Amino acid sequence: MRPVLLALAATLGCAGPAGEPGGFPPGSGSRVGDRLADFTLPDCDGNAVRLADVLAGGEAALVVVAAGWCASCVKEAGTLERDVADRWGPRGLRIVQVLFEDALGAPAGPQFCREWRDRFGLSFPVVVDADAAVAGALGAGGAAATPLHLVTDREAVVLYRAAGPVPPDLAPFLDALLPPER
């Protein structure tokens, strides 16, 4: 089944090979077909959140890398709960949002994380990547690469990758990927 999903991702234009627009440098681990390394980051309240734990019990995960200075990230955060979590959560999609910088471009911290989570009413894990290690490894960071959206299967294999505002092909991709509501 995985080759079919990877073919679907390629057909939808979700990611380009390394060196092409939309692709990451070799070894970044965030291209379609790569397995994301498990990471553990603190959530807004200081609790450790592991990617493997987010994936547990789900069919797939959406990892969204965001920054407080990013206008697209702010706009998207206002709709993530309603437009993504509420729609695909019952079908097995798990979400984790990784914040790496605040509104002024300083490293994100717990206070900013709590304000962000509460401002947008997010119920899924929002984690702090204060040294931008995860964001950097995934290829996020600049305005052109933020927000970054990665959809993985339950083994953390990247099936979809898109940077920038929510891409119009994300909804049909998730509909094709996830089973009907349980």
Protein backbone atom coordinates (compact mmCIF):
# COMPACT_ATOMS: atom_id res chain seq x y z
CA MET A 1 0.00 0.00 0.00
CA ARG A 2 2.87 2.42 0.72
CA PRO A 3 3.97 2.58 -2.98
CA VAL A 4 0.42 3.61 -3.90
CA LEU A 5 0.48 6.43 -1.32
CA LEU A 6 3.92 7.58 -2.47
CA ALA A 7 2.68 7.57 -6.06
CA LEU A 8 -0.36 9.60 -4.97
CA ALA A 9 1.93 12.09 -3.26
CA ALA A 10 4.05 12.43 -6.39
CA THR A 11 0.95 12.77 -8.60
CA LEU A 12 -0.39 15.57 -6.42
CA GLY A 13 2.94 17.38 -6.68
CA CYS A 14 3.48 17.33 -2.96
CA ALA A 15 7.24 17.21 -3.00
CA GLY A 16 10.08 17.50 -5.43
CA PRO A 17 13.29 15.52 -5.41
CA ALA A 18 16.31 17.00 -3.69
CA GLY A 19 17.74 19.88 -5.65
CA GLU A 20 14.45 20.74 -7.35
CA PRO A 21 12.05 23.44 -6.16
CA GLY A 22 10.20 22.12 -3.16
CA GLY A 23 12.86 19.49 -2.37
CA PHE A 24 15.24 19.38 0.56
CA PRO A 25 18.97 18.78 0.47
CA PRO A 26 20.04 15.13 0.63
CA GLY A 27 20.11 13.75 4.16
CA SER A 28 17.54 16.15 5.57
CA GLY A 29 15.15 13.30 6.33
CA SER A 30 12.03 15.20 5.35
CA ARG A 31 11.55 14.28 1.71
CA VAL A 32 8.68 12.08 0.61
CA GLY A 33 9.75 8.51 1.32
CA ASP A 34 12.18 9.42 4.13
CA ARG A 35 11.56 8.33 7.70
CA LEU A 36 11.49 11.18 10.20
CA ALA A 37 13.80 10.68 13.14
CA ASP A 38 11.85 10.40 16.37
CA PHE A 39 12.08 13.61 18.35
CA THR A 40 11.08 14.67 21.83
CA LEU A 41 10.27 18.31 22.60
CA PRO A 42 8.56 20.01 25.54
CA ASP A 43 4.98 21.12 25.09
CA CYS A 44 3.73 24.50 26.26
CA ASP A 45 3.51 23.21 29.84
CA GLY A 46 6.95 21.57 29.87
CA ASN A 47 5.74 17.99 29.34
CA ALA A 48 7.85 15.87 27.00
CA VAL A 49 6.08 15.04 23.73
CA ARG A 50 7.57 12.33 21.52
CA LEU A 51 6.71 12.03 17.83
CA ALA A 52 6.31 8.25 18.29
CA ASP A 53 3.70 8.91 20.99
CA VAL A 54 1.81 11.31 18.72
CA LEU A 55 1.73 8.60 16.05
CA ALA A 56 0.55 5.93 18.49
CA GLY A 57 -3.07 5.04 17.94
CA GLY A 58 -3.36 7.07 14.76
CA GLU A 59 -3.32 6.28 11.08
CA ALA A 60 -1.10 9.23 10.14
CA ALA A 61 0.35 12.42 11.58
CA LEU A 62 0.54 15.99 10.39
CA VAL A 63 3.67 17.76 11.63
CA VAL A 64 3.35 21.53 11.19
CA VAL A 65 6.46 23.64 11.77
CA ALA A 66 5.59 27.27 12.51
CA ALA A 67 6.93 30.57 13.79
CA GLY A 68 5.14 33.46 15.46
CA TRP A 69 6.47 36.03 12.94
CA CYS A 70 5.10 34.06 9.99
CA ALA A 71 1.83 35.57 8.74
CA SER A 72 0.80 32.31 7.04
CA CYS A 73 1.49 30.40 10.27
CA VAL A 74 -0.69 32.77 12.28
CA LYS A 75 -3.52 32.59 9.74
CA GLU A 76 -3.29 28.80 9.57
CA ALA A 77 -3.16 28.38 13.37
CA GLY A 78 -6.54 30.06 13.55
CA THR A 79 -8.09 27.32 11.42
CA LEU A 80 -6.05 24.19 12.24
CA GLU A 81 -8.41 23.00 14.95
CA ARG A 82 -11.62 23.48 12.96
CA ASP A 83 -10.41 22.74 9.43
CA VAL A 84 -7.95 19.92 10.11
CA ALA A 85 -8.18 18.40 13.60
CA ASP A 86 -11.99 18.31 13.73
CA ARG A 87 -12.30 17.03 10.16
CA TRP A 88 -9.61 14.33 10.04
CA GLY A 89 -8.91 13.61 13.71
CA PRO A 90 -11.86 11.19 13.94
CA ARG A 91 -10.40 9.38 10.91
CA GLY A 92 -7.05 8.82 12.63
CA LEU A 93 -5.00 11.93 11.87
CA ARG A 94 -2.78 13.06 14.73
CA ILE A 95 -1.30 16.56 14.73
CA VAL A 96 1.71 18.13 16.38
CA GLN A 97 2.75 21.73 15.84
CA VAL A 98 6.40 22.66 16.31
CA LEU A 99 7.04 26.33 17.23
CA PHE A 100 10.63 27.45 16.77
CA GLU A 101 10.47 31.28 16.99
CA ASP A 102 8.15 33.83 18.55
CA ALA A 103 6.60 36.90 16.93
CA LEU A 104 9.88 38.83 17.21
CA GLY A 105 12.07 36.06 15.81
CA ALA A 106 13.50 35.07 19.18
CA PRO A 107 13.57 31.38 20.14
CA ALA A 108 10.11 30.17 21.10
CA GLY A 109 9.62 29.56 24.79
CA PRO A 110 6.92 28.09 27.03
CA GLN A 111 5.18 31.45 27.60
CA PHE A 112 4.87 32.14 23.86
CA CYS A 113 3.77 28.55 23.28
CA ARG A 114 0.98 28.80 25.87
CA GLU A 115 -0.19 32.14 24.44
CA TRP A 116 -0.20 30.64 20.92
CA ARG A 117 -2.04 27.47 21.95
CA ASP A 118 -4.63 29.39 23.97
CA ARG A 119 -5.10 32.16 21.40
CA PHE A 120 -5.98 29.63 18.71
CA GLY A 121 -7.72 27.06 20.96
CA LEU A 122 -5.45 24.20 19.89
CA SER A 123 -6.17 20.84 21.52
CA PHE A 124 -3.37 18.86 19.88
CA PRO A 125 0.24 19.01 21.12
CA VAL A 126 2.08 22.26 20.46
CA VAL A 127 5.77 21.88 21.23
CA VAL A 128 8.70 24.26 21.68
CA ASP A 129 11.78 23.86 19.48
CA ALA A 130 13.78 26.65 21.15
CA ASP A 131 17.07 25.81 19.43
CA ALA A 132 15.31 25.15 16.09
CA ALA A 133 17.02 21.76 15.87
CA VAL A 134 13.92 19.94 14.63
CA ALA A 135 12.79 22.83 12.40
CA GLY A 136 16.26 23.07 10.89
CA ALA A 137 16.56 19.32 10.32
CA LEU A 138 13.21 19.37 8.54
CA GLY A 139 14.21 22.29 6.33
CA ALA A 140 11.96 24.95 7.86
CA GLY A 141 13.14 28.34 8.98
CA GLY A 142 12.81 30.99 6.33
CA ALA A 143 9.69 32.69 5.08
CA ALA A 144 9.66 30.45 2.00
CA ALA A 145 9.74 27.27 4.11
CA THR A 146 7.36 28.24 6.89
CA PRO A 147 4.87 26.89 7.71
CA LEU A 148 6.08 23.44 6.78
CA HIS A 149 3.55 20.59 6.52
CA LEU A 150 4.66 16.97 6.69
CA VAL A 151 2.21 14.08 6.67
CA THR A 152 3.64 10.77 7.84
CA ASP A 153 2.31 7.28 8.16
CA ARG A 154 2.31 5.60 11.55
CA GLU A 155 5.95 4.53 11.05
CA ALA A 156 6.93 8.22 10.51
CA VAL A 157 7.58 7.77 6.78
CA VAL A 158 6.94 11.08 5.02
CA LEU A 159 4.07 10.74 2.55
CA TYR A 160 3.48 14.45 1.86
CA ARG A 161 5.52 17.61 2.16
CA ALA A 162 4.60 21.22 1.41
CA ALA A 163 5.97 24.55 2.58
CA GLY A 164 4.06 27.82 2.76
CA PRO A 165 0.36 28.51 3.21
CA VAL A 166 -1.93 25.49 3.46
CA PRO A 167 -1.75 23.90 0.04
CA PRO A 168 -5.03 23.18 -1.75
CA ASP A 169 -3.99 19.57 -2.35
CA LEU A 170 -3.72 18.75 1.38
CA ALA A 171 -7.45 18.05 1.81
CA PRO A 172 -7.75 15.60 -1.10
CA PHE A 173 -4.51 13.95 -0.02
CA LEU A 174 -5.82 13.39 3.53
CA ASP A 175 -9.18 12.19 2.22
CA ALA A 176 -7.43 9.59 0.04
CA LEU A 177 -4.99 8.58 2.76
CA LEU A 178 -7.25 8.15 5.77
CA PRO A 179 -9.93 5.52 6.27
CA PRO A 180 -13.55 6.56 6.65
CA GLU A 181 -14.52 7.94 10.06
CA ARG A 182 -14.39 5.29 12.75
